[in-house]
Amino acid sequence: MHTYRVPIYEVGIQFTRSRKEFAKAVEAAGGFDDGQCADGLTCALDSGGFIVGVFTKDPGTMAHEMAHVALDILEWAGFDAQAGNQEPFCYLLGHLINHFSKVR
């Protein structure tokens, strides 16, 4: 499990490429992993932060899961991701994908 704290927003993300590790982390957080067939999953924690699993090398799956995370982070921070030119969302999404695409 790779743990990362997002700069500026100070939100924690636990990231894994292992289904078993994802299920264990979600269960430890009080949730239930019901996505056995999914290529990627994101669990937003009630306490803040996320558990993210990406189980394929497909960059589209990484983008999909990180878009969920970025949208939630911006909402929690009080930003409207659709307002203006969407730059906060686009920069945050790019940052997350750049960081987590290097995790094996």
PDB file of N, CA and C in Angstrom:
ATOM      1  N   MET A   1       0.862  -1.179   0.000  1.00  0.00           N
ATOM      2  CA  MET A   1       0.000   0.000   0.000  1.00  0.00           C
ATOM      3  C   MET A   1       0.899   1.229   0.000  1.00  0.00           C
ATOM      4  N   HIS A   2       0.655   2.101  -0.947  1.00  0.00           N
ATOM      5  CA  HIS A   2       1.398   3.352  -1.076  1.00  0.00           C
ATOM      6  C   HIS A   2       0.520   4.462  -0.476  1.00  0.00           C
ATOM      7  N   THR A   3       1.064   5.213   0.459  1.00  0.00           N
ATOM      8  CA  THR A   3       0.317   6.302   1.093  1.00  0.00           C
ATOM      9  C   THR A   3       0.888   7.632   0.614  1.00  0.00           C
ATOM     10  N   TYR A   4      -0.020   8.559   0.302  1.00  0.00           N
ATOM     11  CA  TYR A   4       0.392   9.850  -0.232  1.00  0.00           C
ATOM     12  C   TYR A   4      -0.504  10.942   0.332  1.00  0.00           C
ATOM     13  N   ARG A   5       0.097  12.058   0.688  1.00  0.00           N
ATOM     14  CA  ARG A   5      -0.648  13.229   1.160  1.00  0.00           C
ATOM     15  C   ARG A   5      -0.607  14.270   0.053  1.00  0.00           C
ATOM     16  N   VAL A   6      -1.771  14.677  -0.437  1.00  0.00           N
ATOM     17  CA  VAL A   6      -1.860  15.622  -1.555  1.00  0.00           C
ATOM     18  C   VAL A   6      -1.487  17.021  -1.071  1.00  0.00           C
ATOM     19  N   PRO A   7      -0.445  17.614  -1.669  1.00  0.00           N
ATOM     20  CA  PRO A   7      -0.055  18.971  -1.267  1.00  0.00           C
ATOM     21  C   PRO A   7      -1.208  19.964  -1.452  1.00  0.00           C
ATOM     22  N   ILE A   8      -1.185  20.992  -0.703  1.00  0.00           N
ATOM     23  CA  ILE A   8      -2.160  22.081  -0.689  1.00  0.00           C
ATOM     24  C   ILE A   8      -3.468  21.635  -0.028  1.00  0.00           C
ATOM     25  N   TYR A   9      -4.038  20.531  -0.495  1.00  0.00           N
ATOM     26  CA  TYR A   9      -5.334  20.081   0.013  1.00  0.00           C
ATOM     27  C   TYR A   9      -5.201  19.234   1.274  1.00  0.00           C
ATOM     28  N   GLU A  10      -4.006  18.714   1.536  1.00  0.00           N
ATOM     29  CA  GLU A  10      -3.725  17.906   2.726  1.00  0.00           C
ATOM     30  C   GLU A  10      -4.723  16.762   2.909  1.00  0.00           C
ATOM     31  N   VAL A  11      -4.966  16.049   1.842  1.00  0.00           N
ATOM     32  CA  VAL A  11      -5.852  14.890   1.846  1.00  0.00           C
ATOM     33  C   VAL A  11      -4.990  13.645   1.636  1.00  0.00           C
ATOM     34  N   GLY A  12      -5.244  12.621   2.436  1.00  0.00           N
ATOM     35  CA  GLY A  12      -4.485  11.389   2.318  1.00  0.00           C
ATOM     36  C   GLY A  12      -5.108  10.415   1.334  1.00  0.00           C
ATOM     37  N   ILE A  13      -4.248   9.736   0.583  1.00  0.00           N
ATOM     38  CA  ILE A  13      -4.688   8.709  -0.351  1.00  0.00           C
ATOM     39  C   ILE A  13      -3.864   7.456  -0.097  1.00  0.00           C
ATOM     40  N   GLN A  14      -4.546   6.342   0.096  1.00  0.00           N
ATOM     41  CA  GLN A  14      -3.898   5.038   0.145  1.00  0.00           C
ATOM     42  C   GLN A  14      -4.123   4.399  -1.225  1.00  0.00           C
ATOM     43  N   PHE A  15      -3.059   3.955  -1.851  1.00  0.00           N
ATOM     44  CA  PHE A  15      -3.141   3.462  -3.226  1.00  0.00           C
ATOM     45  C   PHE A  15      -2.506   2.081  -3.325  1.00  0.00           C
ATOM     46  N   THR A  16      -3.163   1.202  -4.077  1.00  0.00           N
ATOM     47  CA  THR A  16      -2.613  -0.127  -4.309  1.00  0.00           C
ATOM     48  C   THR A  16      -2.990  -0.623  -5.695  1.00  0.00           C
ATOM     49  N   ARG A  17      -2.207  -1.568  -6.171  1.00  0.00           N
ATOM     50  CA  ARG A  17      -2.519  -2.261  -7.417  1.00  0.00           C
ATOM     51  C   ARG A  17      -2.966  -3.695  -7.122  1.00  0.00           C
ATOM     52  N   SER A  18      -3.140  -4.025  -5.842  1.00  0.00           N
ATOM     53  CA  SER A  18      -3.534  -5.360  -5.417  1.00  0.00           C
ATOM     54  C   SER A  18      -4.995  -5.376  -4.950  1.00  0.00           C
ATOM     55  N   ARG A  19      -5.802  -6.236  -5.543  1.00  0.00           N
ATOM     56  CA  ARG A  19      -7.207  -6.366  -5.122  1.00  0.00           C
ATOM     57  C   ARG A  19      -7.301  -6.780  -3.656  1.00  0.00           C
ATOM     58  N   LYS A  20      -6.460  -7.726  -3.267  1.00  0.00           N
ATOM     59  CA  LYS A  20      -6.481  -8.234  -1.894  1.00  0.00           C
ATOM     60  C   LYS A  20      -6.139  -7.116  -0.898  1.00  0.00           C
ATOM     61  N   GLU A  21      -5.125  -6.348  -1.196  1.00  0.00           N
ATOM     62  CA  GLU A  21      -4.721  -5.239  -0.336  1.00  0.00           C
ATOM     63  C   GLU A  21      -5.820  -4.172  -0.268  1.00  0.00           C
ATOM     64  N   PHE A  22      -6.449  -3.890  -1.412  1.00  0.00           N
ATOM     65  CA  PHE A  22      -7.549  -2.925  -1.447  1.00  0.00           C
ATOM     66  C   PHE A  22      -8.688  -3.394  -0.539  1.00  0.00           C
ATOM     67  N   ALA A  23      -9.117  -4.635  -0.701  1.00  0.00           N
ATOM     68  CA  ALA A  23     -10.224  -5.176   0.097  1.00  0.00           C
ATOM     69  C   ALA A  23      -9.902  -5.128   1.586  1.00  0.00           C
ATOM     70  N   LYS A  24      -8.671  -5.461   1.942  1.00  0.00           N
ATOM     71  CA  LYS A  24      -8.255  -5.442   3.349  1.00  0.00           C
ATOM     72  C   LYS A  24      -8.297  -4.018   3.920  1.00  0.00           C
ATOM     73  N   ALA A  25      -7.823  -3.044   3.147  1.00  0.00           N
ATOM     74  CA  ALA A  25      -7.820  -1.650   3.609  1.00  0.00           C
ATOM     75  C   ALA A  25      -9.236  -1.104   3.751  1.00  0.00           C
ATOM     76  N   VAL A  26     -10.100  -1.428   2.795  1.00  0.00           N
ATOM     77  CA  VAL A  26     -11.490  -0.961   2.867  1.00  0.00           C
ATOM     78  C   VAL A  26     -12.190  -1.580   4.074  1.00  0.00           C
ATOM     79  N   GLU A  27     -11.965  -2.866   4.288  1.00  0.00           N
ATOM     80  CA  GLU A  27     -12.567  -3.539   5.451  1.00  0.00           C
ATOM     81  C   GLU A  27     -12.067  -2.917   6.757  1.00  0.00           C
ATOM     82  N   ALA A  28     -10.769  -2.626   6.843  1.00  0.00           N
ATOM     83  CA  ALA A  28     -10.204  -2.007   8.044  1.00  0.00           C
ATOM     84  C   ALA A  28     -10.799  -0.627   8.299  1.00  0.00           C
ATOM     85  N   ALA A  29     -11.216   0.042   7.227  1.00  0.00           N
ATOM     86  CA  ALA A  29     -11.828   1.374   7.348  1.00  0.00           C
ATOM     87  C   ALA A  29     -13.329   1.288   7.626  1.00  0.00           C
ATOM     88  N   GLY A  30     -13.861   0.057   7.717  1.00  0.00           N
ATOM     89  CA  GLY A  30     -15.277  -0.105   8.020  1.00  0.00           C
ATOM     90  C   GLY A  30     -16.166  -0.229   6.809  1.00  0.00           C
ATOM     91  N   GLY A  31     -15.584  -0.421   5.647  1.00  0.00           N
ATOM     92  CA  GLY A  31     -16.365  -0.540   4.420  1.00  0.00           C
ATOM     93  C   GLY A  31     -16.392  -1.968   3.910  1.00  0.00           C
ATOM     94  N   PHE A  32     -16.950  -2.114   2.727  1.00  0.00           N
ATOM     95  CA  PHE A  32     -17.067  -3.422   2.084  1.00  0.00           C
ATOM     96  C   PHE A  32     -16.689  -3.283   0.627  1.00  0.00           C
ATOM     97  N   ASP A  33     -15.792  -4.132   0.164  1.00  0.00           N
ATOM     98  CA  ASP A  33     -15.360  -4.121  -1.234  1.00  0.00           C
ATOM     99  C   ASP A  33     -16.304  -4.993  -2.041  1.00  0.00           C
ATOM    100  N   ASP A  34     -17.136  -4.378  -2.862  1.00  0.00           N
ATOM    101  CA  ASP A  34     -18.097  -5.137  -3.678  1.00  0.00           C
ATOM    102  C   ASP A  34     -17.758  -5.070  -5.169  1.00  0.00           C
ATOM    103  N   GLY A  35     -16.534  -4.695  -5.502  1.00  0.00           N
ATOM    104  CA  GLY A  35     -16.160  -4.506  -6.900  1.00  0.00           C
ATOM    105  C   GLY A  35     -15.217  -5.557  -7.429  1.00  0.00           C
ATOM    106  N   GLN A  36     -15.497  -6.810  -7.173  1.00  0.00           N
ATOM    107  CA  GLN A  36     -14.595  -7.891  -7.565  1.00  0.00           C
ATOM    108  C   GLN A  36     -14.293  -7.925  -9.060  1.00  0.00           C
ATOM    109  N   CYS A  37     -15.186  -7.450  -9.895  1.00  0.00           N
ATOM    110  CA  CYS A  37     -14.964  -7.498 -11.346  1.00  0.00           C
ATOM    111  C   CYS A  37     -14.395  -6.207 -11.903  1.00  0.00           C
ATOM    112  N   ALA A  38     -14.250  -5.206 -11.074  1.00  0.00           N
ATOM    113  CA  ALA A  38     -13.805  -3.896 -11.550  1.00  0.00           C
ATOM    114  C   ALA A  38     -12.295  -3.858 -11.783  1.00  0.00           C
ATOM    115  N   ASP A  39     -11.881  -3.054 -12.747  1.00  0.00           N
ATOM    116  CA  ASP A  39     -10.454  -2.841 -13.002  1.00  0.00           C
ATOM    117  C   ASP A  39      -9.858  -1.800 -12.067  1.00  0.00           C
ATOM    118  N   GLY A  40     -10.717  -1.002 -11.429  1.00  0.00           N
ATOM    119  CA  GLY A  40     -10.275   0.005 -10.483  1.00  0.00           C
ATOM    120  C   GLY A  40     -11.427   0.413  -9.587  1.00  0.00           C
ATOM    121  N   LEU A  41     -11.086   0.831  -8.369  1.00  0.00           N
ATOM    122  CA  LEU A  41     -12.108   1.235  -7.398  1.00  0.00           C
ATOM    123  C   LEU A  41     -11.582   2.380  -6.549  1.00  0.00           C
ATOM    124  N   THR A  42     -12.494   3.242  -6.124  1.00  0.00           N
ATOM    125  CA  THR A  42     -12.160   4.324  -5.210  1.00  0.00           C
ATOM    126  C   THR A  42     -13.144   4.313  -4.060  1.00  0.00           C
ATOM    127  N   CYS A  43     -12.619   4.371  -2.857  1.00  0.00           N
ATOM    128  CA  CYS A  43     -13.447   4.426  -1.659  1.00  0.00           C
ATOM    129  C   CYS A  43     -13.136   5.734  -0.935  1.00  0.00           C
ATOM    130  N   ALA A  44     -14.129   6.629  -0.855  1.00  0.00           N
ATOM    131  CA  ALA A  44     -13.969   7.870  -0.101  1.00  0.00           C
ATOM    132  C   ALA A  44     -14.278   7.558   1.359  1.00  0.00           C
ATOM    133  N   LEU A  45     -13.390   7.921   2.242  1.00  0.00           N
ATOM    134  CA  LEU A  45     -13.542   7.621   3.661  1.00  0.00           C
ATOM    135  C   LEU A  45     -14.328   8.705   4.381  1.00  0.00           C
ATOM    136  N   ASP A  46     -15.167   8.313   5.310  1.00  0.00           N
ATOM    137  CA  ASP A  46     -15.945   9.278   6.097  1.00  0.00           C
ATOM    138  C   ASP A  46     -15.034  10.230   6.859  1.00  0.00           C
ATOM    139  N   SER A  47     -13.885   9.745   7.252  1.00  0.00           N
ATOM    140  CA  SER A  47     -12.936  10.556   8.016  1.00  0.00           C
ATOM    141  C   SER A  47     -12.101  11.475   7.127  1.00  0.00           C
ATOM    142  N   GLY A  48     -12.341  11.429   5.820  1.00  0.00           N
ATOM    143  CA  GLY A  48     -11.544  12.183   4.857  1.00  0.00           C
ATOM    144  C   GLY A  48     -10.495  11.268   4.263  1.00  0.00           C
ATOM    145  N   GLY A  49     -10.105  11.517   3.080  1.00  0.00           N
ATOM    146  CA  GLY A  49      -9.113  10.691   2.411  1.00  0.00           C
ATOM    147  C   GLY A  49      -9.756   9.598   1.575  1.00  0.00           C
ATOM    148  N   PHE A  50      -8.907   8.798   0.957  1.00  0.00           N
ATOM    149  CA  PHE A  50      -9.372   7.811  -0.007  1.00  0.00           C
ATOM    150  C   PHE A  50      -8.536   6.551   0.053  1.00  0.00           C
ATOM    151  N   ILE A  51      -9.161   5.464  -0.355  1.00  0.00           N
ATOM    152  CA  ILE A  51      -8.456   4.231  -0.670  1.00  0.00           C
ATOM    153  C   ILE A  51      -8.738   3.986  -2.147  1.00  0.00           C
ATOM    154  N   VAL A  52      -7.670   3.863  -2.937  1.00  0.00           N
ATOM    155  CA  VAL A  52      -7.812   3.695  -4.381  1.00  0.00           C
ATOM    156  C   VAL A  52      -7.072   2.435  -4.809  1.00  0.00           C
ATOM    157  N   GLY A  53      -7.747   1.639  -5.613  1.00  0.00           N
ATOM    158  CA  GLY A  53      -7.112   0.467  -6.204  1.00  0.00           C
ATOM    159  C   GLY A  53      -7.218   0.539  -7.715  1.00  0.00           C
ATOM    160  N   VAL A  54      -6.095   0.362  -8.393  1.00  0.00           N
ATOM    161  CA  VAL A  54      -6.067   0.279  -9.855  1.00  0.00           C
ATOM    162  C   VAL A  54      -5.385  -1.045 -10.179  1.00  0.00           C
ATOM    163  N   PHE A  55      -6.155  -1.961 -10.772  1.00  0.00           N
ATOM    164  CA  PHE A  55      -5.703  -3.342 -10.923  1.00  0.00           C
ATOM    165  C   PHE A  55      -5.336  -3.704 -12.360  1.00  0.00           C
ATOM    166  N   THR A  56      -5.162  -2.730 -13.192  1.00  0.00           N
ATOM    167  CA  THR A  56      -4.797  -2.937 -14.588  1.00  0.00           C
ATOM    168  C   THR A  56      -3.760  -1.893 -14.973  1.00  0.00           C
ATOM    169  N   LYS A  57      -3.055  -2.130 -16.038  1.00  0.00           N
ATOM    170  CA  LYS A  57      -2.059  -1.165 -16.538  1.00  0.00           C
ATOM    171  C   LYS A  57      -2.685  -0.117 -17.450  1.00  0.00           C
ATOM    172  N   ASP A  58      -3.971  -0.236 -17.715  1.00  0.00           N
ATOM    173  CA  ASP A  58      -4.678   0.682 -18.611  1.00  0.00           C
ATOM    174  C   ASP A  58      -4.660   2.101 -18.038  1.00  0.00           C
ATOM    175  N   PRO A  59      -4.054   3.066 -18.748  1.00  0.00           N
ATOM    176  CA  PRO A  59      -4.020   4.435 -18.229  1.00  0.00           C
ATOM    177  C   PRO A  59      -5.413   5.054 -18.097  1.00  0.00           C
ATOM    178  N   GLY A  60      -6.374   4.557 -18.869  1.00  0.00           N
ATOM    179  CA  GLY A  60      -7.739   5.062 -18.757  1.00  0.00           C
ATOM    180  C   GLY A  60      -8.355   4.744 -17.402  1.00  0.00           C
ATOM    181  N   THR A  61      -8.022   3.572 -16.863  1.00  0.00           N
ATOM    182  CA  THR A  61      -8.532   3.200 -15.533  1.00  0.00           C
ATOM    183  C   THR A  61      -7.933   4.112 -14.470  1.00  0.00           C
ATOM    184  N   MET A  62      -6.636   4.385 -14.575  1.00  0.00           N
ATOM    185  CA  MET A  62      -5.985   5.307 -13.633  1.00  0.00           C
ATOM    186  C   MET A  62      -6.652   6.683 -13.716  1.00  0.00           C
ATOM    187  N   ALA A  63      -6.874   7.182 -14.918  1.00  0.00           N
ATOM    188  CA  ALA A  63      -7.510   8.493 -15.094  1.00  0.00           C
ATOM    189  C   ALA A  63      -8.919   8.497 -14.510  1.00  0.00           C
ATOM    190  N   HIS A  64      -9.661   7.426 -14.736  1.00  0.00           N
ATOM    191  CA  HIS A  64     -11.031   7.323 -14.236  1.00  0.00           C
ATOM    192  C   HIS A  64     -11.061   7.411 -12.708  1.00  0.00           C
ATOM    193  N   GLU A  65     -10.232   6.594 -12.044  1.00  0.00           N
ATOM    194  CA  GLU A  65     -10.240   6.580 -10.576  1.00  0.00           C
ATOM    195  C   GLU A  65      -9.725   7.895 -10.001  1.00  0.00           C
ATOM    196  N   MET A  66      -8.698   8.470 -10.606  1.00  0.00           N
ATOM    197  CA  MET A  66      -8.154   9.732 -10.100  1.00  0.00           C
ATOM    198  C   MET A  66      -9.104  10.904 -10.366  1.00  0.00           C
ATOM    199  N   ALA A  67      -9.935  10.804 -11.392  1.00  0.00           N
ATOM    200  CA  ALA A  67     -10.956  11.841 -11.610  1.00  0.00           C
ATOM    201  C   ALA A  67     -11.959  11.826 -10.468  1.00  0.00           C
ATOM    202  N   HIS A  68     -12.358  10.627 -10.007  1.00  0.00           N
ATOM    203  CA  HIS A  68     -13.247  10.555  -8.833  1.00  0.00           C
ATOM    204  C   HIS A  68     -12.605  11.256  -7.637  1.00  0.00           C
ATOM    205  N   VAL A  69     -11.337  10.954  -7.398  1.00  0.00           N
ATOM    206  CA  VAL A  69     -10.624  11.537  -6.263  1.00  0.00           C
ATOM    207  C   VAL A  69     -10.529  13.056  -6.410  1.00  0.00           C
ATOM    208  N   ALA A  70     -10.110  13.525  -7.574  1.00  0.00           N
ATOM    209  CA  ALA A  70      -9.943  14.967  -7.788  1.00  0.00           C
ATOM    210  C   ALA A  70     -11.260  15.718  -7.612  1.00  0.00           C
ATOM    211  N   LEU A  71     -12.337  15.183  -8.147  1.00  0.00           N
ATOM    212  CA  LEU A  71     -13.643  15.844  -8.006  1.00  0.00           C
ATOM    213  C   LEU A  71     -14.060  15.924  -6.546  1.00  0.00           C
ATOM    214  N   ASP A  72     -13.859  14.853  -5.792  1.00  0.00           N
ATOM    215  CA  ASP A  72     -14.212  14.868  -4.370  1.00  0.00           C
ATOM    216  C   ASP A  72     -13.342  15.843  -3.582  1.00  0.00           C
ATOM    217  N   ILE A  73     -12.042  15.858  -3.860  1.00  0.00           N
ATOM    218  CA  ILE A  73     -11.147  16.780  -3.152  1.00  0.00           C
ATOM    219  C   ILE A  73     -11.577  18.226  -3.394  1.00  0.00           C
ATOM    220  N   LEU A  74     -11.859  18.564  -4.639  1.00  0.00           N
ATOM    221  CA  LEU A  74     -12.261  19.939  -4.950  1.00  0.00           C
ATOM    222  C   LEU A  74     -13.584  20.292  -4.287  1.00  0.00           C
ATOM    223  N   GLU A  75     -14.512  19.354  -4.261  1.00  0.00           N
ATOM    224  CA  GLU A  75     -15.787  19.605  -3.585  1.00  0.00           C
ATOM    225  C   GLU A  75     -15.563  19.861  -2.100  1.00  0.00           C
ATOM    226  N   TRP A  76     -14.745  19.023  -1.462  1.00  0.00           N
ATOM    227  CA  TRP A  76     -14.453  19.204  -0.032  1.00  0.00           C
ATOM    228  C   TRP A  76     -13.772  20.544   0.225  1.00  0.00           C
ATOM    229  N   ALA A  77     -12.961  21.006  -0.745  1.00  0.00           N
ATOM    230  CA  ALA A  77     -12.249  22.278  -0.586  1.00  0.00           C
ATOM    231  C   ALA A  77     -13.119  23.483  -0.924  1.00  0.00           C
ATOM    232  N   GLY A  78     -14.349  23.231  -1.385  1.00  0.00           N
ATOM    233  CA  GLY A  78     -15.264  24.321  -1.675  1.00  0.00           C
ATOM    234  C   GLY A  78     -15.192  24.868  -3.093  1.00  0.00           C
ATOM    235  N   PHE A  79     -14.529  24.145  -3.993  1.00  0.00           N
ATOM    236  CA  PHE A  79     -14.443  24.579  -5.383  1.00  0.00           C
ATOM    237  C   PHE A  79     -15.518  23.894  -6.223  1.00  0.00           C
ATOM    238  N   ASP A  80     -15.994  24.594  -7.228  1.00  0.00           N
ATOM    239  CA  ASP A  80     -16.877  24.005  -8.226  1.00  0.00           C
ATOM    240  C   ASP A  80     -15.996  23.609  -9.412  1.00  0.00           C
ATOM    241  N   ALA A  81     -15.841  22.301  -9.621  1.00  0.00           N
ATOM    242  CA  ALA A  81     -14.943  21.821 -10.668  1.00  0.00           C
ATOM    243  C   ALA A  81     -15.376  22.258 -12.058  1.00  0.00           C
ATOM    244  N   GLN A  82     -16.643  22.631 -12.237  1.00  0.00           N
ATOM    245  CA  GLN A  82     -17.146  23.050 -13.544  1.00  0.00           C
ATOM    246  C   GLN A  82     -17.059  24.562 -13.764  1.00  0.00           C
ATOM    247  N   ALA A  83     -16.765  25.290 -12.706  1.00  0.00           N
ATOM    248  CA  ALA A  83     -16.746  26.744 -12.816  1.00  0.00           C
ATOM    249  C   ALA A  83     -15.532  27.221 -13.618  1.00  0.00           C
ATOM    250  N   GLY A  84     -15.680  28.325 -14.256  1.00  0.00           N
ATOM    251  CA  GLY A  84     -14.566  28.947 -14.973  1.00  0.00           C
ATOM    252  C   GLY A  84     -13.969  28.031 -16.011  1.00  0.00           C
ATOM    253  N   ASN A  85     -12.671  27.913 -15.971  1.00  0.00           N
ATOM    254  CA  ASN A  85     -11.964  27.131 -16.986  1.00  0.00           C
ATOM    255  C   ASN A  85     -11.571  25.733 -16.497  1.00  0.00           C
ATOM    256  N   GLN A  86     -12.073  25.284 -15.387  1.00  0.00           N
ATOM    257  CA  GLN A  86     -11.820  23.964 -14.791  1.00  0.00           C
ATOM    258  C   GLN A  86     -10.350  23.730 -14.449  1.00  0.00           C
ATOM    259  N   GLU A  87      -9.543  24.770 -14.367  1.00  0.00           N
ATOM    260  CA  GLU A  87      -8.113  24.607 -14.108  1.00  0.00           C
ATOM    261  C   GLU A  87      -7.804  23.898 -12.790  1.00  0.00           C
ATOM    262  N   PRO A  88      -8.475  24.204 -11.666  1.00  0.00           N
ATOM    263  CA  PRO A  88      -8.142  23.464 -10.437  1.00  0.00           C
ATOM    264  C   PRO A  88      -8.301  21.953 -10.621  1.00  0.00           C
ATOM    265  N   PHE A  89      -9.383  21.528 -11.272  1.00  0.00           N
ATOM    266  CA  PHE A  89      -9.600  20.104 -11.517  1.00  0.00           C
ATOM    267  C   PHE A  89      -8.515  19.537 -12.424  1.00  0.00           C
ATOM    268  N   CYS A  90      -8.232  20.210 -13.521  1.00  0.00           N
ATOM    269  CA  CYS A  90      -7.267  19.692 -14.491  1.00  0.00           C
ATOM    270  C   CYS A  90      -5.866  19.592 -13.894  1.00  0.00           C
ATOM    271  N   TYR A  91      -5.435  20.610 -13.151  1.00  0.00           N
ATOM    272  CA  TYR A  91      -4.111  20.550 -12.524  1.00  0.00           C
ATOM    273  C   TYR A  91      -4.050  19.443 -11.479  1.00  0.00           C
ATOM    274  N   LEU A  92      -5.083  19.322 -10.657  1.00  0.00           N
ATOM    275  CA  LEU A  92      -5.096  18.289  -9.626  1.00  0.00           C
ATOM    276  C   LEU A  92      -5.117  16.903 -10.253  1.00  0.00           C
ATOM    277  N   LEU A  93      -5.932  16.701 -11.271  1.00  0.00           N
ATOM    278  CA  LEU A  93      -5.992  15.409 -11.949  1.00  0.00           C
ATOM    279  C   LEU A  93      -4.629  15.057 -12.557  1.00  0.00           C
ATOM    280  N   GLY A  94      -4.010  15.991 -13.225  1.00  0.00           N
ATOM    281  CA  GLY A  94      -2.687  15.750 -13.796  1.00  0.00           C
ATOM    282  C   GLY A  94      -1.665  15.399 -12.733  1.00  0.00           C
ATOM    283  N   HIS A  95      -1.698  16.112 -11.604  1.00  0.00           N
ATOM    284  CA  HIS A  95      -0.775  15.850 -10.501  1.00  0.00           C
ATOM    285  C   HIS A  95      -0.968  14.432  -9.957  1.00  0.00           C
ATOM    286  N   LEU A  96      -2.211  14.041  -9.732  1.00  0.00           N
ATOM    287  CA  LEU A  96      -2.495  12.710  -9.193  1.00  0.00           C
ATOM    288  C   LEU A  96      -2.060  11.606 -10.156  1.00  0.00           C
ATOM    289  N   ILE A  97      -2.378  11.766 -11.416  1.00  0.00           N
ATOM    290  CA  ILE A  97      -1.996  10.744 -12.399  1.00  0.00           C
ATOM    291  C   ILE A  97      -0.477  10.666 -12.530  1.00  0.00           C
ATOM    292  N   ASN A  98       0.201  11.789 -12.566  1.00  0.00           N
ATOM    293  CA  ASN A  98       1.669  11.769 -12.629  1.00  0.00           C
ATOM    294  C   ASN A  98       2.263  11.050 -11.435  1.00  0.00           C
ATOM    295  N   HIS A  99       1.730  11.316 -10.257  1.00  0.00           N
ATOM    296  CA  HIS A  99       2.271  10.671  -9.049  1.00  0.00           C
ATOM    297  C   HIS A  99       1.998   9.173  -9.029  1.00  0.00           C
ATOM    298  N   PHE A 100       0.739   8.794  -9.187  1.00  0.00           N
ATOM    299  CA  PHE A 100       0.367   7.396  -8.992  1.00  0.00           C
ATOM    300  C   PHE A 100       0.700   6.493 -10.173  1.00  0.00           C
ATOM    301  N   SER A 101       0.914   7.039 -11.348  1.00  0.00           N
ATOM    302  CA  SER A 101       1.287   6.189 -12.487  1.00  0.00           C
ATOM    303  C   SER A 101       2.683   5.610 -12.305  1.00  0.00           C
ATOM    304  N   LYS A 102       3.476   6.176 -11.400  1.00  0.00           N
ATOM    305  CA  LYS A 102       4.825   5.667 -11.121  1.00  0.00           C
ATOM    306  C   LYS A 102       4.835   4.553 -10.069  1.00  0.00           C
ATOM    307  N   VAL A 103       3.706   4.358  -9.380  1.00  0.00           N
ATOM    308  CA  VAL A 103       3.631   3.348  -8.325  1.00  0.00           C
ATOM    309  C   VAL A 103       3.399   1.978  -8.956  1.00  0.00           C
ATOM    310  N   ARG A 104       4.183   1.034  -8.571  1.00  0.00           N
ATOM    311  CA  ARG A 104       4.060  -0.336  -9.108  1.00  0.00           C
ATOM    312  C   ARG A 104       3.369  -1.245  -8.155  1.00  0.00           C
TER     313      ARG A 104
END
